[in-house]
Amino acid sequence: MTLADLDEVQYDLEVDGMQVREQLARRIWEARGWATVAVMFRERDKDGDWKSPKVALLRFRRMHDAWQKQAIVTIDAGDAFELADTLGGWRETVSAGS
């Protein structure tokens, strides 16, 4: 996946006129030619009901005039919040080492 602009990263998906994936939230971090895009989304199951949300972390690298996708990780929203809590708990350790 190559993009001209990171705002092009959208997770909504429609198949045969039915929305099968819905983007719930998105955040972009960009520094020194690299970018991380976090997207919270949900998908429909085979019966058409919405499943539990997930979080996708996409990593992009600036190549000439475009952003090229380097990696993607998808995890359950619950695991993402657990990860956020763990990282928040490390804040004091990181601050003390500075």
PDB file of N, CA and C in Angstrom:
ATOM      1  N   MET A   1       0.852  -1.174   0.000  1.00  0.00           N
ATOM      2  CA  MET A   1       0.000   0.000   0.000  1.00  0.00           C
ATOM      3  C   MET A   1       0.896   1.234   0.000  1.00  0.00           C
ATOM      4  N   THR A   2       0.682   2.099  -0.965  1.00  0.00           N
ATOM      5  CA  THR A   2       1.402   3.359  -1.054  1.00  0.00           C
ATOM      6  C   THR A   2       0.391   4.491  -1.131  1.00  0.00           C
ATOM      7  N   LEU A   3       0.604   5.530  -0.324  1.00  0.00           N
ATOM      8  CA  LEU A   3      -0.335   6.644  -0.237  1.00  0.00           C
ATOM      9  C   LEU A   3       0.388   7.968  -0.409  1.00  0.00           C
ATOM     10  N   ALA A   4      -0.311   8.933  -0.985  1.00  0.00           N
ATOM     11  CA  ALA A   4       0.248  10.280  -1.093  1.00  0.00           C
ATOM     12  C   ALA A   4       0.130  11.017   0.233  1.00  0.00           C
ATOM     13  N   ASP A   5      -0.943  10.726   0.987  1.00  0.00           N
ATOM     14  CA  ASP A   5      -1.218  11.435   2.235  1.00  0.00           C
ATOM     15  C   ASP A   5      -1.754  10.451   3.268  1.00  0.00           C
ATOM     16  N   LEU A   6      -1.342  10.585   4.514  1.00  0.00           N
ATOM     17  CA  LEU A   6      -1.785   9.668   5.569  1.00  0.00           C
ATOM     18  C   LEU A   6      -3.274   9.789   5.861  1.00  0.00           C
ATOM     19  N   ASP A   7      -3.891  10.909   5.499  1.00  0.00           N
ATOM     20  CA  ASP A   7      -5.338  11.046   5.682  1.00  0.00           C
ATOM     21  C   ASP A   7      -6.121  10.077   4.798  1.00  0.00           C
ATOM     22  N   GLU A   8      -5.454   9.464   3.833  1.00  0.00           N
ATOM     23  CA  GLU A   8      -6.103   8.474   2.971  1.00  0.00           C
ATOM     24  C   GLU A   8      -6.331   7.147   3.695  1.00  0.00           C
ATOM     25  N   VAL A   9      -5.703   6.952   4.842  1.00  0.00           N
ATOM     26  CA  VAL A   9      -5.883   5.708   5.596  1.00  0.00           C
ATOM     27  C   VAL A   9      -7.275   5.730   6.214  1.00  0.00           C
ATOM     28  N   GLN A  10      -8.163   4.951   5.646  1.00  0.00           N
ATOM     29  CA  GLN A  10      -9.540   4.814   6.128  1.00  0.00           C
ATOM     30  C   GLN A  10      -9.844   3.328   6.248  1.00  0.00           C
ATOM     31  N   TYR A  11     -10.582   2.942   7.266  1.00  0.00           N
ATOM     32  CA  TYR A  11     -10.852   1.530   7.494  1.00  0.00           C
ATOM     33  C   TYR A  11     -12.292   1.124   7.205  1.00  0.00           C
ATOM     34  N   ASP A  12     -13.130   2.067   6.789  1.00  0.00           N
ATOM     35  CA  ASP A  12     -14.495   1.700   6.412  1.00  0.00           C
ATOM     36  C   ASP A  12     -14.434   0.821   5.164  1.00  0.00           C
ATOM     37  N   LEU A  13     -15.283  -0.216   5.135  1.00  0.00           N
ATOM     38  CA  LEU A  13     -15.308  -1.114   3.981  1.00  0.00           C
ATOM     39  C   LEU A  13     -16.746  -1.524   3.702  1.00  0.00           C
ATOM     40  N   GLU A  14     -17.119  -1.436   2.439  1.00  0.00           N
ATOM     41  CA  GLU A  14     -18.452  -1.824   1.992  1.00  0.00           C
ATOM     42  C   GLU A  14     -18.314  -2.942   0.973  1.00  0.00           C
ATOM     43  N   VAL A  15     -19.171  -3.960   1.096  1.00  0.00           N
ATOM     44  CA  VAL A  15     -19.198  -5.060   0.138  1.00  0.00           C
ATOM     45  C   VAL A  15     -20.638  -5.246  -0.302  1.00  0.00           C
ATOM     46  N   ASP A  16     -20.873  -5.163  -1.590  1.00  0.00           N
ATOM     47  CA  ASP A  16     -22.216  -5.308  -2.160  1.00  0.00           C
ATOM     48  C   ASP A  16     -23.225  -4.388  -1.481  1.00  0.00           C
ATOM     49  N   GLY A  17     -22.831  -3.156  -1.213  1.00  0.00           N
ATOM     50  CA  GLY A  17     -23.729  -2.163  -0.636  1.00  0.00           C
ATOM     51  C   GLY A  17     -23.932  -2.264   0.866  1.00  0.00           C
ATOM     52  N   MET A  18     -23.280  -3.226   1.522  1.00  0.00           N
ATOM     53  CA  MET A  18     -23.412  -3.377   2.978  1.00  0.00           C
ATOM     54  C   MET A  18     -22.085  -3.036   3.646  1.00  0.00           C
ATOM     55  N   GLN A  19     -22.144  -2.203   4.674  1.00  0.00           N
ATOM     56  CA  GLN A  19     -20.927  -1.868   5.406  1.00  0.00           C
ATOM     57  C   GLN A  19     -20.525  -3.062   6.258  1.00  0.00           C
ATOM     58  N   VAL A  20     -19.348  -3.614   5.968  1.00  0.00           N
ATOM     59  CA  VAL A  20     -18.871  -4.797   6.689  1.00  0.00           C
ATOM     60  C   VAL A  20     -17.760  -4.457   7.676  1.00  0.00           C
ATOM     61  N   ARG A  21     -17.178  -3.268   7.530  1.00  0.00           N
ATOM     62  CA  ARG A  21     -16.165  -2.801   8.478  1.00  0.00           C
ATOM     63  C   ARG A  21     -16.375  -1.309   8.688  1.00  0.00           C
ATOM     64  N   GLU A  22     -16.372  -0.905   9.967  1.00  0.00           N
ATOM     65  CA  GLU A  22     -16.621   0.490  10.322  1.00  0.00           C
ATOM     66  C   GLU A  22     -15.466   1.028  11.155  1.00  0.00           C
ATOM     67  N   GLN A  23     -14.907   2.141  10.705  1.00  0.00           N
ATOM     68  CA  GLN A  23     -13.853   2.817  11.458  1.00  0.00           C
ATOM     69  C   GLN A  23     -14.499   3.598  12.592  1.00  0.00           C
ATOM     70  N   LEU A  24     -14.037   3.372  13.819  1.00  0.00           N
ATOM     71  CA  LEU A  24     -14.594   4.042  14.992  1.00  0.00           C
ATOM     72  C   LEU A  24     -13.735   5.217  15.449  1.00  0.00           C
ATOM     73  N   ALA A  25     -12.425   5.121  15.261  1.00  0.00           N
ATOM     74  CA  ALA A  25     -11.506   6.188  15.678  1.00  0.00           C
ATOM     75  C   ALA A  25     -10.189   6.004  14.935  1.00  0.00           C
ATOM     76  N   ARG A  26      -9.418   7.116  14.858  1.00  0.00           N
ATOM     77  CA  ARG A  26      -8.121   7.052  14.175  1.00  0.00           C
ATOM     78  C   ARG A  26      -7.202   8.126  14.735  1.00  0.00           C
ATOM     79  N   ARG A  27      -5.917   7.796  14.823  1.00  0.00           N
ATOM     80  CA  ARG A  27      -4.910   8.766  15.290  1.00  0.00           C
ATOM     81  C   ARG A  27      -3.633   8.536  14.501  1.00  0.00           C
ATOM     82  N   ILE A  28      -2.947   9.621  14.154  1.00  0.00           N
ATOM     83  CA  ILE A  28      -1.712   9.539  13.375  1.00  0.00           C
ATOM     84  C   ILE A  28      -0.576  10.190  14.158  1.00  0.00           C
ATOM     85  N   TRP A  29       0.568   9.484  14.242  1.00  0.00           N
ATOM     86  CA  TRP A  29       1.800  10.043  14.796  1.00  0.00           C
ATOM     87  C   TRP A  29       2.820  10.029  13.660  1.00  0.00           C
ATOM     88  N   GLU A  30       3.532  11.131  13.501  1.00  0.00           N
ATOM     89  CA  GLU A  30       4.495  11.237  12.406  1.00  0.00           C
ATOM     90  C   GLU A  30       5.769  11.914  12.899  1.00  0.00           C
ATOM     91  N   ALA A  31       6.925  11.309  12.577  1.00  0.00           N
ATOM     92  CA  ALA A  31       8.214  11.901  12.963  1.00  0.00           C
ATOM     93  C   ALA A  31       9.331  11.345  12.085  1.00  0.00           C
ATOM     94  N   ARG A  32      10.176  12.222  11.603  1.00  0.00           N
ATOM     95  CA  ARG A  32      11.407  11.863  10.891  1.00  0.00           C
ATOM     96  C   ARG A  32      11.211  10.822   9.785  1.00  0.00           C
ATOM     97  N   GLY A  33      10.210  11.012   8.950  1.00  0.00           N
ATOM     98  CA  GLY A  33      10.012  10.121   7.816  1.00  0.00           C
ATOM     99  C   GLY A  33       9.298   8.822   8.123  1.00  0.00           C
ATOM    100  N   TRP A  34       8.821   8.674   9.355  1.00  0.00           N
ATOM    101  CA  TRP A  34       8.065   7.487   9.748  1.00  0.00           C
ATOM    102  C   TRP A  34       6.728   7.925  10.328  1.00  0.00           C
ATOM    103  N   ALA A  35       5.710   7.085  10.175  1.00  0.00           N
ATOM    104  CA  ALA A  35       4.394   7.393  10.736  1.00  0.00           C
ATOM    105  C   ALA A  35       3.751   6.116  11.264  1.00  0.00           C
ATOM    106  N   THR A  36       2.989   6.271  12.328  1.00  0.00           N
ATOM    107  CA  THR A  36       2.178   5.194  12.877  1.00  0.00           C
ATOM    108  C   THR A  36       0.740   5.661  12.860  1.00  0.00           C
ATOM    109  N   VAL A  37      -0.138   4.824  12.334  1.00  0.00           N
ATOM    110  CA  VAL A  37      -1.564   5.133  12.298  1.00  0.00           C
ATOM    111  C   VAL A  37      -2.270   4.073  13.137  1.00  0.00           C
ATOM    112  N   ALA A  38      -3.008   4.513  14.157  1.00  0.00           N
ATOM    113  CA  ALA A  38      -3.809   3.610  14.984  1.00  0.00           C
ATOM    114  C   ALA A  38      -5.264   3.783  14.580  1.00  0.00           C
ATOM    115  N   VAL A  39      -5.930   2.678  14.303  1.00  0.00           N
ATOM    116  CA  VAL A  39      -7.331   2.709  13.882  1.00  0.00           C
ATOM    117  C   VAL A  39      -8.119   1.729  14.741  1.00  0.00           C
ATOM    118  N   MET A  40      -9.196   2.218  15.376  1.00  0.00           N
ATOM    119  CA  MET A  40     -10.122   1.319  16.053  1.00  0.00           C
ATOM    120  C   MET A  40     -11.276   1.074  15.085  1.00  0.00           C
ATOM    121  N   PHE A  41     -11.639  -0.197  14.919  1.00  0.00           N
ATOM    122  CA  PHE A  41     -12.691  -0.548  13.965  1.00  0.00           C
ATOM    123  C   PHE A  41     -13.462  -1.766  14.461  1.00  0.00           C
ATOM    124  N   ARG A  42     -14.587  -2.004  13.826  1.00  0.00           N
ATOM    125  CA  ARG A  42     -15.348  -3.222  14.110  1.00  0.00           C
ATOM    126  C   ARG A  42     -15.804  -3.815  12.785  1.00  0.00           C
ATOM    127  N   GLU A  43     -16.008  -5.130  12.792  1.00  0.00           N
ATOM    128  CA  GLU A  43     -16.423  -5.852  11.595  1.00  0.00           C
ATOM    129  C   GLU A  43     -17.700  -6.630  11.883  1.00  0.00           C
ATOM    130  N   ARG A  44     -18.406  -6.941  10.840  1.00  0.00           N
ATOM    131  CA  ARG A  44     -19.619  -7.757  10.988  1.00  0.00           C
ATOM    132  C   ARG A  44     -19.255  -9.241  10.943  1.00  0.00           C
ATOM    133  N   ASP A  45     -20.020 -10.034  11.703  1.00  0.00           N
ATOM    134  CA  ASP A  45     -19.845 -11.476  11.622  1.00  0.00           C
ATOM    135  C   ASP A  45     -20.700 -12.005  10.466  1.00  0.00           C
ATOM    136  N   LYS A  46     -20.724 -13.325  10.286  1.00  0.00           N
ATOM    137  CA  LYS A  46     -21.442 -13.909   9.148  1.00  0.00           C
ATOM    138  C   LYS A  46     -22.950 -13.683   9.217  1.00  0.00           C
ATOM    139  N   ASP A  47     -23.483 -13.400  10.434  1.00  0.00           N
ATOM    140  CA  ASP A  47     -24.913 -13.131  10.590  1.00  0.00           C
ATOM    141  C   ASP A  47     -25.245 -11.654  10.418  1.00  0.00           C
ATOM    142  N   GLY A  48     -24.231 -10.822  10.232  1.00  0.00           N
ATOM    143  CA  GLY A  48     -24.451  -9.390  10.040  1.00  0.00           C
ATOM    144  C   GLY A  48     -24.395  -8.569  11.312  1.00  0.00           C
ATOM    145  N   ASP A  49     -24.128  -9.218  12.449  1.00  0.00           N
ATOM    146  CA  ASP A  49     -24.007  -8.489  13.718  1.00  0.00           C
ATOM    147  C   ASP A  49     -22.581  -7.959  13.859  1.00  0.00           C
ATOM    148  N   TRP A  50     -22.450  -6.837  14.571  1.00  0.00           N
ATOM    149  CA  TRP A  50     -21.122  -6.263  14.787  1.00  0.00           C
ATOM    150  C   TRP A  50     -20.360  -7.076  15.823  1.00  0.00           C
ATOM    151  N   LYS A  51     -19.114  -7.388  15.522  1.00  0.00           N
ATOM    152  CA  LYS A  51     -18.228  -8.073  16.466  1.00  0.00           C
ATOM    153  C   LYS A  51     -17.574  -7.034  17.374  1.00  0.00           C
ATOM    154  N   SER A  52     -16.849  -7.500  18.371  1.00  0.00           N
ATOM    155  CA  SER A  52     -16.123  -6.610  19.282  1.00  0.00           C
ATOM    156  C   SER A  52     -15.078  -5.813  18.504  1.00  0.00           C
ATOM    157  N   PRO A  53     -14.836  -4.567  18.929  1.00  0.00           N
ATOM    158  CA  PRO A  53     -13.853  -3.731  18.223  1.00  0.00           C
ATOM    159  C   PRO A  53     -12.437  -4.303  18.282  1.00  0.00           C
ATOM    160  N   LYS A  54     -11.653  -3.914  17.297  1.00  0.00           N
ATOM    161  CA  LYS A  54     -10.235  -4.258  17.217  1.00  0.00           C
ATOM    162  C   LYS A  54      -9.452  -2.975  16.967  1.00  0.00           C
ATOM    163  N   VAL A  55      -8.144  -3.064  17.156  1.00  0.00           N
ATOM    164  CA  VAL A  55      -7.252  -1.940  16.877  1.00  0.00           C
ATOM    165  C   VAL A  55      -6.202  -2.411  15.875  1.00  0.00           C
ATOM    166  N   ALA A  56      -6.021  -1.633  14.824  1.00  0.00           N
ATOM    167  CA  ALA A  56      -4.966  -1.897  13.845  1.00  0.00           C
ATOM    168  C   ALA A  56      -3.902  -0.815  13.994  1.00  0.00           C
ATOM    169  N   LEU A  57      -2.654  -1.233  14.072  1.00  0.00           N
ATOM    170  CA  LEU A  57      -1.514  -0.313  14.099  1.00  0.00           C
ATOM    171  C   LEU A  57      -0.771  -0.485  12.779  1.00  0.00           C
ATOM    172  N   LEU A  58      -0.742   0.570  11.988  1.00  0.00           N
ATOM    173  CA  LEU A  58      -0.088   0.537  10.683  1.00  0.00           C
ATOM    174  C   LEU A  58       1.160   1.409  10.730  1.00  0.00           C
ATOM    175  N   ARG A  59       2.254   0.884  10.213  1.00  0.00           N
ATOM    176  CA  ARG A  59       3.517   1.619  10.216  1.00  0.00           C
ATOM    177  C   ARG A  59       3.862   1.982   8.774  1.00  0.00           C
ATOM    178  N   PHE A  60       4.136   3.267   8.534  1.00  0.00           N
ATOM    179  CA  PHE A  60       4.459   3.765   7.202  1.00  0.00           C
ATOM    180  C   PHE A  60       5.827   4.432   7.201  1.00  0.00           C
ATOM    181  N   ARG A  61       6.492   4.367   6.049  1.00  0.00           N
ATOM    182  CA  ARG A  61       7.782   5.033   5.850  1.00  0.00           C
ATOM    183  C   ARG A  61       7.656   5.970   4.654  1.00  0.00           C
ATOM    184  N   ARG A  62       8.190   7.161   4.801  1.00  0.00           N
ATOM    185  CA  ARG A  62       8.157   8.143   3.714  1.00  0.00           C
ATOM    186  C   ARG A  62       9.192   7.740   2.671  1.00  0.00           C
ATOM    187  N   MET A  63       8.732   7.517   1.451  1.00  0.00           N
ATOM    188  CA  MET A  63       9.604   7.148   0.338  1.00  0.00           C
ATOM    189  C   MET A  63       9.355   8.135  -0.791  1.00  0.00           C
ATOM    190  N   HIS A  64      10.304   9.028  -1.016  1.00  0.00           N
ATOM    191  CA  HIS A  64      10.178  10.076  -2.031  1.00  0.00           C
ATOM    192  C   HIS A  64       8.958  10.938  -1.714  1.00  0.00           C
ATOM    193  N   ASP A  65       7.924  10.906  -2.538  1.00  0.00           N
ATOM    194  CA  ASP A  65       6.746  11.748  -2.312  1.00  0.00           C
ATOM    195  C   ASP A  65       5.538  10.958  -1.827  1.00  0.00           C
ATOM    196  N   ALA A  66       5.748   9.762  -1.291  1.00  0.00           N
ATOM    197  CA  ALA A  66       4.617   8.926  -0.883  1.00  0.00           C
ATOM    198  C   ALA A  66       4.938   8.194   0.423  1.00  0.00           C
ATOM    199  N   TRP A  67       3.878   7.691   1.050  1.00  0.00           N
ATOM    200  CA  TRP A  67       4.000   6.876   2.259  1.00  0.00           C
ATOM    201  C   TRP A  67       3.825   5.413   1.855  1.00  0.00           C
ATOM    202  N   GLN A  68       4.777   4.571   2.243  1.00  0.00           N
ATOM    203  CA  GLN A  68       4.714   3.155   1.926  1.00  0.00           C
ATOM    204  C   GLN A  68       4.492   2.360   3.208  1.00  0.00           C
ATOM    205  N   LYS A  69       3.487   1.472   3.190  1.00  0.00           N
ATOM    206  CA  LYS A  69       3.199   0.654   4.371  1.00  0.00           C
ATOM    207  C   LYS A  69       4.332  -0.339   4.592  1.00  0.00           C
ATOM    208  N   GLN A  70       4.822  -0.394   5.827  1.00  0.00           N
ATOM    209  CA  GLN A  70       5.908  -1.290   6.200  1.00  0.00           C
ATOM    210  C   GLN A  70       5.415  -2.475   7.027  1.00  0.00           C
ATOM    211  N   ALA A  71       4.391  -2.245   7.862  1.00  0.00           N
ATOM    212  CA  ALA A  71       3.914  -3.310   8.750  1.00  0.00           C
ATOM    213  C   ALA A  71       2.516  -2.979   9.253  1.00  0.00           C
ATOM    214  N   ILE A  72       1.817  -4.022   9.694  1.00  0.00           N
ATOM    215  CA  ILE A  72       0.505  -3.838  10.320  1.00  0.00           C
ATOM    216  C   ILE A  72       0.336  -4.907  11.398  1.00  0.00           C
ATOM    217  N   VAL A  73      -0.225  -4.495  12.524  1.00  0.00           N
ATOM    218  CA  VAL A  73      -0.553  -5.402  13.622  1.00  0.00           C
ATOM    219  C   VAL A  73      -1.999  -5.124  14.002  1.00  0.00           C
ATOM    220  N   THR A  74      -2.793  -6.178  14.147  1.00  0.00           N
ATOM    221  CA  THR A  74      -4.187  -6.030  14.558  1.00  0.00           C
ATOM    222  C   THR A  74      -4.394  -6.805  15.851  1.00  0.00           C
ATOM    223  N   ILE A  75      -4.972  -6.129  16.865  1.00  0.00           N
ATOM    224  CA  ILE A  75      -5.228  -6.771  18.154  1.00  0.00           C
ATOM    225  C   ILE A  75      -6.633  -6.419  18.624  1.00  0.00           C
ATOM    226  N   ASP A  76      -7.177  -7.243  19.510  1.00  0.00           N
ATOM    227  CA  ASP A  76      -8.481  -6.947  20.103  1.00  0.00           C
ATOM    228  C   ASP A  76      -8.399  -5.654  20.892  1.00  0.00           C
ATOM    229  N   ALA A  77      -9.498  -4.910  20.932  1.00  0.00           N
ATOM    230  CA  ALA A  77      -9.521  -3.632  21.651  1.00  0.00           C
ATOM    231  C   ALA A  77      -9.170  -3.832  23.124  1.00  0.00           C
ATOM    232  N   GLY A  78      -9.646  -4.912  23.726  1.00  0.00           N
ATOM    233  CA  GLY A  78      -9.333  -5.180  25.131  1.00  0.00           C
ATOM    234  C   GLY A  78      -7.837  -5.313  25.358  1.00  0.00           C
ATOM    235  N   ASP A  79      -7.162  -6.033  24.459  1.00  0.00           N
ATOM    236  CA  ASP A  79      -5.705  -6.167  24.554  1.00  0.00           C
ATOM    237  C   ASP A  79      -5.019  -4.824  24.335  1.00  0.00           C
ATOM    238  N   ALA A  80      -5.570  -4.004  23.440  1.00  0.00           N
ATOM    239  CA  ALA A  80      -4.993  -2.674  23.184  1.00  0.00           C
ATOM    240  C   ALA A  80      -5.073  -1.801  24.433  1.00  0.00           C
ATOM    241  N   PHE A  81      -6.212  -1.845  25.126  1.00  0.00           N
ATOM    242  CA  PHE A  81      -6.351  -1.049  26.350  1.00  0.00           C
ATOM    243  C   PHE A  81      -5.428  -1.573  27.450  1.00  0.00           C
ATOM    244  N   GLU A  82      -5.261  -2.887  27.508  1.00  0.00           N
ATOM    245  CA  GLU A  82      -4.335  -3.480  28.475  1.00  0.00           C
ATOM    246  C   GLU A  82      -2.901  -3.029  28.179  1.00  0.00           C
ATOM    247  N   LEU A  83      -2.537  -2.997  26.904  1.00  0.00           N
ATOM    248  CA  LEU A  83      -1.221  -2.508  26.499  1.00  0.00           C
ATOM    249  C   LEU A  83      -1.049  -1.042  26.886  1.00  0.00           C
ATOM    250  N   ALA A  84      -2.081  -0.229  26.651  1.00  0.00           N
ATOM    251  CA  ALA A  84      -2.019   1.197  27.013  1.00  0.00           C
ATOM    252  C   ALA A  84      -1.818   1.363  28.517  1.00  0.00           C
ATOM    253  N   ASP A  85      -2.514   0.557  29.318  1.00  0.00           N
ATOM    254  CA  ASP A  85      -2.346   0.621  30.773  1.00  0.00           C
ATOM    255  C   ASP A  85      -0.919   0.244  31.176  1.00  0.00           C
ATOM    256  N   THR A  86      -0.376  -0.792  30.544  1.00  0.00           N
ATOM    257  CA  THR A  86       0.991  -1.218  30.842  1.00  0.00           C
ATOM    258  C   THR A  86       1.986  -0.115  30.501  1.00  0.00           C
ATOM    259  N   LEU A  87       1.847   0.472  29.322  1.00  0.00           N
ATOM    260  CA  LEU A  87       2.747   1.558  28.920  1.00  0.00           C
ATOM    261  C   LEU A  87       2.610   2.758  29.851  1.00  0.00           C
ATOM    262  N   GLY A  88       1.381   3.063  30.272  1.00  0.00           N
ATOM    263  CA  GLY A  88       1.165   4.155  31.218  1.00  0.00           C
ATOM    264  C   GLY A  88       1.861   3.893  32.541  1.00  0.00           C
ATOM    265  N   GLY A  89       1.889   2.631  32.961  1.00  0.00           N
ATOM    266  CA  GLY A  89       2.573   2.258  34.194  1.00  0.00           C
ATOM    267  C   GLY A  89       4.084   2.411  34.101  1.00  0.00           C
ATOM    268  N   TRP A  90       4.607   2.396  32.915  1.00  0.00           N
ATOM    269  CA  TRP A  90       6.047   2.553  32.708  1.00  0.00           C
ATOM    270  C   TRP A  90       6.459   4.015  32.661  1.00  0.00           C
ATOM    271  N   ARG A  91       5.521   4.919  32.666  1.00  0.00           N
ATOM    272  CA  ARG A  91       5.811   6.350  32.526  1.00  0.00           C
ATOM    273  C   ARG A  91       6.818   6.827  33.575  1.00  0.00           C
ATOM    274  N   GLU A  92       6.618   6.433  34.840  1.00  0.00           N
ATOM    275  CA  GLU A  92       7.535   6.856  35.914  1.00  0.00           C
ATOM    276  C   GLU A  92       8.944   6.331  35.677  1.00  0.00           C
ATOM    277  N   THR A  93       9.050   5.080  35.244  1.00  0.00           N
ATOM    278  CA  THR A  93      10.360   4.487  34.986  1.00  0.00           C
ATOM    279  C   THR A  93      11.090   5.252  33.887  1.00  0.00           C
ATOM    280  N   VAL A  94      10.377   5.579  32.834  1.00  0.00           N
ATOM    281  CA  VAL A  94      10.979   6.310  31.713  1.00  0.00           C
ATOM    282  C   VAL A  94      11.361   7.719  32.148  1.00  0.00           C
ATOM    283  N   SER A  95      10.486   8.383  32.899  1.00  0.00           N
ATOM    284  CA  SER A  95      10.763   9.746  33.364  1.00  0.00           C
ATOM    285  C   SER A  95      11.958   9.778  34.309  1.00  0.00           C
ATOM    286  N   ALA A  96      12.083   8.769  35.161  1.00  0.00           N
ATOM    287  CA  ALA A  96      13.187   8.720  36.121  1.00  0.00           C
ATOM    288  C   ALA A  96      14.525   8.519  35.418  1.00  0.00           C
ATOM    289  N   GLY A  97      14.497   7.824  34.278  1.00  0.00           N
ATOM    290  CA  GLY A  97      15.732   7.560  33.545  1.00  0.00           C
ATOM    291  C   GLY A  97      16.199   8.723  32.695  1.00  0.00           C
ATOM    292  N   SER A  98      15.383   9.755  32.550  1.00  0.00           N
ATOM    293  CA  SER A  98      15.753  10.896  31.691  1.00  0.00           C
ATOM    294  C   SER A  98      16.605  11.889  32.417  1.00  0.00           C
TER     295      SER A  98
END
